C-alpha atoms as a PDB file:
ATOM      1  CA  MET A   1     -92.832 165.626  41.678  1.00  0.00           C
ATOM      2  CA  VAL A   2     -91.091 168.772  40.587  1.00  0.00           C
ATOM      3  CA  GLY A   3     -90.495 171.595  43.046  1.00  0.00           C
ATOM      4  CA  ARG A   4     -90.859 175.183  41.982  1.00  0.00           C
ATOM      5  CA  TRP A   5     -88.460 177.987  42.860  1.00  0.00           C
ATOM      6  CA  LEU A   6     -89.775 181.537  42.637  1.00  0.00           C
ATOM      7  CA  PRO A   7     -87.207 184.287  43.257  1.00  0.00           C
ATOM      8  CA  LEU A   8     -88.440 187.458  44.909  1.00  0.00           C
ATOM      9  CA  ASP A   9     -90.348 189.653  42.456  1.00  0.00           C
ATOM     10  CA  VAL A  10     -92.334 192.349  44.226  1.00  0.00           C
ATOM     11  CA  MET A  11     -94.033 193.242  40.928  1.00  0.00           C
ATOM     12  CA  ARG A  12     -95.331 189.676  40.360  1.00  0.00           C
ATOM     13  CA  PRO A  13     -98.904 190.511  41.466  1.00  0.00           C
ATOM     14  CA  LYS A  14     -99.125 193.078  38.649  1.00  0.00           C
ATOM     15  CA  LYS A  15     -97.931 190.643  35.952  1.00  0.00           C
ATOM     16  CA  ASP A  16    -100.064 188.091  34.166  1.00  0.00           C
ATOM     17  CA  THR A  17     -97.471 185.722  32.663  1.00  0.00           C
ATOM     18  CA  ALA A  18     -95.104 183.340  34.404  1.00  0.00           C
ATOM     19  CA  VAL A  19     -92.394 181.261  32.758  1.00  0.00           C
ATOM     20  CA  VAL A  20     -91.659 177.820  34.214  1.00  0.00           C
ATOM     21  CA  LEU A  21     -88.418 176.175  33.142  1.00  0.00           C
ATOM     22  CA  THR A  22     -88.877 172.446  33.693  1.00  0.00           C
ATOM     23  CA  ILE A  23     -85.280 171.322  33.574  1.00  0.00           C
ATOM     24  CA  ARG A  24     -84.535 169.333  36.721  1.00  0.00           C
ATOM     25  CA  ARG A  25     -86.081 168.457  40.059  1.00  0.00           C
ATOM     26  CA  ILE A  26     -86.389 172.154  40.873  1.00  0.00           C
ATOM     27  CA  SER A  27     -88.037 174.308  38.221  1.00  0.00           C
ATOM     28  CA  PRO A  28     -87.333 178.026  38.294  1.00  0.00           C
ATOM     29  CA  VAL A  29     -90.387 180.203  37.779  1.00  0.00           C
ATOM     30  CA  PHE A  30     -90.120 183.853  36.875  1.00  0.00           C
ATOM     31  CA  THR A  31     -92.382 186.644  35.679  1.00  0.00           C
ATOM     32  CA  PRO A  32     -90.646 188.601  32.926  1.00  0.00           C
ATOM     33  CA  ASP A  33     -91.501 192.158  31.998  1.00  0.00           C
ATOM     34  CA  ASP A  34     -91.564 191.125  28.316  1.00  0.00           C
ATOM     35  CA  PRO A  35     -92.763 187.485  28.087  1.00  0.00           C
ATOM     36  CA  GLU A  36     -92.865 187.522  24.256  1.00  0.00           C
ATOM     37  CA  LEU A  37     -89.183 188.456  24.107  1.00  0.00           C
ATOM     38  CA  VAL A  38     -88.308 185.735  26.626  1.00  0.00           C
ATOM     39  CA  ALA A  39     -90.230 183.128  24.587  1.00  0.00           C
ATOM     40  CA  HIS A  40     -88.453 184.266  21.413  1.00  0.00           C
ATOM     41  CA  LEU A  41     -85.006 184.053  23.041  1.00  0.00           C
ATOM     42  CA  ILE A  42     -85.682 180.590  24.477  1.00  0.00           C
ATOM     43  CA  ARG A  43     -86.903 179.273  21.108  1.00  0.00           C
ATOM     44  CA  GLU A  44     -83.916 180.839  19.350  1.00  0.00           C
ATOM     45  CA  ARG A  45     -81.430 179.192  21.698  1.00  0.00           C
ATOM     46  CA  MET A  46     -83.188 175.826  21.571  1.00  0.00           C
ATOM     47  CA  ALA A  47     -83.079 175.879  17.744  1.00  0.00           C
ATOM     48  CA  ALA A  48     -79.351 176.689  17.831  1.00  0.00           C
ATOM     49  CA  ARG A  49     -78.684 173.596  19.953  1.00  0.00           C
ATOM     50  CA  GLN A  50     -80.302 171.201  17.461  1.00  0.00           C
END
């Protein structure tokens, strides 16, 4: 079972997208202001590592 870690984000209730990074036993979860940009940056960096 993977635990989730959610840092304090007082604006989270007003956001509709959360990003979960499943990388280890603890998965950080965050709610970005611009989820499309975050998705683009993650894909870009993953492609660079291949």
